[in-house]
Amino acid sequence: MPQSTQIDIATLTPVERIALADVLYDSAMQEIDELQHRISPDELAEIDRRIAKLDAGEETLVAWDDAYARLTQGR
């Protein structure tokens, strides 16, 4: 991962902010590409299956706070 740098976005021009967004996007996409190479075809198929069920309205998402509360209830 590239080195972190603090930037005061308010000091950037609109063109510089767009350039920064482009760099951030490219960086994120590179990490996603690298991650995809570490996921097996079976895992990718499972992810695709779950996304398809969400898109079809067959499943609903649960907020992390709600899921965590259910998992830790009674501890």
N, C-alpha and C. Protein backbone atom coordinates (compact mmCIF):
# COMPACT_ATOMS: atom_id res chain seq x y z
N MET A 1 0.85 -1.17 0.00
CA MET A 1 0.00 0.00 0.00
C MET A 1 0.89 1.24 0.00
N PRO A 2 0.47 2.28 -0.75
CA PRO A 2 1.27 3.49 -0.80
C PRO A 2 1.35 4.16 0.58
N GLN A 3 2.36 4.99 0.74
CA GLN A 3 2.56 5.71 1.99
C GLN A 3 1.42 6.70 2.21
N SER A 4 0.99 6.85 3.47
CA SER A 4 -0.08 7.79 3.81
C SER A 4 0.47 9.20 3.88
N THR A 5 -0.34 10.13 3.41
CA THR A 5 0.01 11.54 3.47
C THR A 5 -1.25 12.30 3.85
N GLN A 6 -1.13 13.24 4.80
CA GLN A 6 -2.28 14.07 5.15
C GLN A 6 -2.37 15.23 4.18
N ILE A 7 -3.60 15.46 3.70
CA ILE A 7 -3.85 16.53 2.75
C ILE A 7 -5.03 17.34 3.25
N ASP A 8 -4.88 18.66 3.24
CA ASP A 8 -6.01 19.54 3.54
C ASP A 8 -6.74 19.78 2.22
N ILE A 9 -7.81 19.06 2.04
CA ILE A 9 -8.53 19.10 0.77
C ILE A 9 -9.01 20.51 0.44
N ALA A 10 -9.31 21.30 1.46
CA ALA A 10 -9.80 22.66 1.24
C ALA A 10 -8.79 23.53 0.50
N THR A 11 -7.51 23.15 0.56
CA THR A 11 -6.48 23.96 -0.11
C THR A 11 -6.29 23.56 -1.58
N LEU A 12 -6.94 22.49 -2.00
CA LEU A 12 -6.77 22.01 -3.37
C LEU A 12 -7.74 22.70 -4.32
N THR A 13 -7.28 22.90 -5.53
CA THR A 13 -8.16 23.43 -6.57
C THR A 13 -9.11 22.31 -7.02
N PRO A 14 -10.18 22.67 -7.72
CA PRO A 14 -11.06 21.62 -8.23
C PRO A 14 -10.33 20.59 -9.11
N VAL A 15 -9.43 21.05 -9.92
CA VAL A 15 -8.66 20.12 -10.78
C VAL A 15 -7.79 19.19 -9.92
N GLU A 16 -7.18 19.73 -8.88
CA GLU A 16 -6.36 18.90 -8.00
C GLU A 16 -7.20 17.90 -7.24
N ARG A 17 -8.42 18.29 -6.82
CA ARG A 17 -9.31 17.35 -6.12
C ARG A 17 -9.73 16.22 -7.06
N ILE A 18 -10.00 16.55 -8.30
CA ILE A 18 -10.37 15.51 -9.28
C ILE A 18 -9.18 14.58 -9.51
N ALA A 19 -7.99 15.12 -9.59
CA ALA A 19 -6.79 14.29 -9.77
C ALA A 19 -6.59 13.39 -8.56
N LEU A 20 -6.82 13.91 -7.36
CA LEU A 20 -6.71 13.11 -6.15
C LEU A 20 -7.73 11.97 -6.16
N ALA A 21 -8.96 12.29 -6.54
CA ALA A 21 -10.00 11.26 -6.62
C ALA A 21 -9.60 10.17 -7.60
N ASP A 22 -8.99 10.56 -8.71
CA ASP A 22 -8.53 9.59 -9.71
C ASP A 22 -7.44 8.69 -9.15
N VAL A 23 -6.51 9.27 -8.41
CA VAL A 23 -5.44 8.48 -7.79
C VAL A 23 -6.02 7.51 -6.75
N LEU A 24 -6.96 8.00 -5.93
CA LEU A 24 -7.59 7.15 -4.93
C LEU A 24 -8.35 6.00 -5.58
N TYR A 25 -9.07 6.30 -6.64
CA TYR A 25 -9.83 5.27 -7.36
C TYR A 25 -8.89 4.21 -7.93
N ASP A 26 -7.83 4.66 -8.60
CA ASP A 26 -6.87 3.71 -9.18
C ASP A 26 -6.24 2.84 -8.10
N SER A 27 -5.92 3.44 -6.95
CA SER A 27 -5.33 2.70 -5.85
C SER A 27 -6.29 1.64 -5.32
N ALA A 28 -7.54 2.02 -5.15
CA ALA A 28 -8.55 1.07 -4.66
C ALA A 28 -8.76 -0.06 -5.67
N MET A 29 -8.83 0.27 -6.95
CA MET A 29 -9.04 -0.75 -7.97
C MET A 29 -7.86 -1.72 -8.03
N GLN A 30 -6.65 -1.23 -7.83
CA GLN A 30 -5.48 -2.10 -7.83
C GLN A 30 -5.57 -3.10 -6.68
N GLU A 31 -5.98 -2.63 -5.51
CA GLU A 31 -6.12 -3.52 -4.36
C GLU A 31 -7.23 -4.55 -4.60
N ILE A 32 -8.32 -4.12 -5.22
CA ILE A 32 -9.41 -5.05 -5.54
C ILE A 32 -8.91 -6.10 -6.51
N ASP A 33 -8.18 -5.69 -7.54
CA ASP A 33 -7.63 -6.65 -8.50
C ASP A 33 -6.72 -7.66 -7.82
N GLU A 34 -5.87 -7.18 -6.90
CA GLU A 34 -4.98 -8.08 -6.18
C GLU A 34 -5.76 -9.04 -5.29
N LEU A 35 -6.81 -8.56 -4.67
CA LEU A 35 -7.64 -9.40 -3.81
C LEU A 35 -8.33 -10.49 -4.63
N GLN A 36 -8.80 -10.14 -5.81
CA GLN A 36 -9.50 -11.12 -6.64
C GLN A 36 -8.60 -12.29 -7.01
N HIS A 37 -7.31 -12.06 -7.08
CA HIS A 37 -6.38 -13.14 -7.41
C HIS A 37 -6.17 -14.08 -6.23
N ARG A 38 -6.54 -13.64 -5.03
CA ARG A 38 -6.38 -14.47 -3.84
C ARG A 38 -7.67 -15.21 -3.49
N ILE A 39 -8.75 -14.95 -4.22
CA ILE A 39 -10.03 -15.61 -3.96
C ILE A 39 -10.18 -16.75 -4.95
N SER A 40 -10.58 -17.91 -4.44
CA SER A 40 -10.73 -19.07 -5.31
C SER A 40 -11.95 -18.90 -6.23
N PRO A 41 -11.98 -19.64 -7.33
CA PRO A 41 -13.15 -19.59 -8.21
C PRO A 41 -14.45 -19.96 -7.47
N ASP A 42 -14.37 -20.91 -6.55
CA ASP A 42 -15.56 -21.29 -5.78
C ASP A 42 -16.04 -20.13 -4.90
N GLU A 43 -15.09 -19.42 -4.30
CA GLU A 43 -15.47 -18.27 -3.47
C GLU A 43 -16.08 -17.16 -4.32
N LEU A 44 -15.50 -16.91 -5.49
CA LEU A 44 -16.07 -15.90 -6.39
C LEU A 44 -17.48 -16.29 -6.82
N ALA A 45 -17.70 -17.58 -7.10
CA ALA A 45 -19.02 -18.05 -7.49
C ALA A 45 -20.02 -17.84 -6.36
N GLU A 46 -19.59 -18.08 -5.12
CA GLU A 46 -20.47 -17.87 -3.97
C GLU A 46 -20.82 -16.39 -3.80
N ILE A 47 -19.84 -15.52 -3.99
CA ILE A 47 -20.10 -14.08 -3.92
C ILE A 47 -21.11 -13.69 -5.00
N ASP A 48 -20.90 -14.17 -6.22
CA ASP A 48 -21.82 -13.85 -7.32
C ASP A 48 -23.23 -14.37 -7.01
N ARG A 49 -23.32 -15.57 -6.43
CA ARG A 49 -24.62 -16.15 -6.09
C ARG A 49 -25.34 -15.28 -5.06
N ARG A 50 -24.60 -14.84 -4.05
CA ARG A 50 -25.21 -14.01 -3.01
C ARG A 50 -25.64 -12.65 -3.54
N ILE A 51 -24.84 -12.06 -4.41
CA ILE A 51 -25.21 -10.77 -5.01
C ILE A 51 -26.46 -10.93 -5.86
N ALA A 52 -26.54 -12.02 -6.61
CA ALA A 52 -27.72 -12.27 -7.44
C ALA A 52 -28.97 -12.40 -6.58
N LYS A 53 -28.86 -13.07 -5.43
CA LYS A 53 -30.01 -13.20 -4.53
C LYS A 53 -30.42 -11.84 -3.97
N LEU A 54 -29.45 -11.01 -3.65
CA LEU A 54 -29.76 -9.66 -3.18
C LEU A 54 -30.46 -8.85 -4.27
N ASP A 55 -29.90 -8.91 -5.48
CA ASP A 55 -30.47 -8.17 -6.60
C ASP A 55 -31.89 -8.63 -6.92
N ALA A 56 -32.17 -9.92 -6.71
CA ALA A 56 -33.49 -10.47 -7.00
C ALA A 56 -34.48 -10.23 -5.85
N GLY A 57 -33.99 -9.64 -4.76
CA GLY A 57 -34.87 -9.37 -3.62
C GLY A 57 -35.13 -10.59 -2.76
N GLU A 58 -34.34 -11.64 -2.93
CA GLU A 58 -34.53 -12.87 -2.17
C GLU A 58 -33.85 -12.83 -0.81
N GLU A 59 -32.97 -11.87 -0.61
CA GLU A 59 -32.25 -11.70 0.66
C GLU A 59 -32.27 -10.23 1.04
N THR A 60 -32.09 -9.95 2.31
CA THR A 60 -31.97 -8.57 2.76
C THR A 60 -30.68 -8.43 3.53
N LEU A 61 -30.16 -7.23 3.51
CA LEU A 61 -28.93 -6.94 4.24
C LEU A 61 -29.26 -6.62 5.69
N VAL A 62 -28.32 -6.93 6.57
CA VAL A 62 -28.47 -6.63 7.99
C VAL A 62 -27.32 -5.71 8.38
N ALA A 63 -27.65 -4.62 9.06
CA ALA A 63 -26.62 -3.68 9.51
C ALA A 63 -25.69 -4.38 10.49
N TRP A 64 -24.40 -4.02 10.45
CA TRP A 64 -23.41 -4.66 11.32
C TRP A 64 -23.81 -4.53 12.79
N ASP A 65 -24.28 -3.37 13.20
CA ASP A 65 -24.67 -3.18 14.60
C ASP A 65 -25.75 -4.18 15.01
N ASP A 66 -26.73 -4.40 14.13
CA ASP A 66 -27.80 -5.36 14.43
C ASP A 66 -27.26 -6.79 14.48
N ALA A 67 -26.42 -7.14 13.52
CA ALA A 67 -25.84 -8.49 13.49
C ALA A 67 -24.99 -8.72 14.73
N TYR A 68 -24.17 -7.75 15.09
CA TYR A 68 -23.30 -7.88 16.26
C TYR A 68 -24.13 -8.03 17.53
N ALA A 69 -25.20 -7.24 17.63
CA ALA A 69 -26.06 -7.33 18.81
C ALA A 69 -26.68 -8.72 18.93
N ARG A 70 -27.12 -9.27 17.81
CA ARG A 70 -27.70 -10.62 17.85
C ARG A 70 -26.66 -11.67 18.21
N LEU A 71 -25.44 -11.51 17.69
CA LEU A 71 -24.40 -12.48 17.94
C LEU A 71 -23.91 -12.46 19.39
N THR A 72 -23.93 -11.28 19.99
CA THR A 72 -23.41 -11.15 21.35
C THR A 72 -24.49 -11.14 22.41
N GLN A 73 -25.72 -11.26 21.98
CA GLN A 73 -26.84 -11.25 22.93
C GLN A 73 -26.70 -12.42 23.90
N GLY A 74 -26.84 -12.14 25.19
CA GLY A 74 -26.78 -13.20 26.19
C GLY A 74 -25.39 -13.53 26.68
N ARG A 75 -24.41 -12.78 26.24
CA ARG A 75 -23.04 -13.03 26.72
C ARG A 75 -22.84 -12.45 28.08
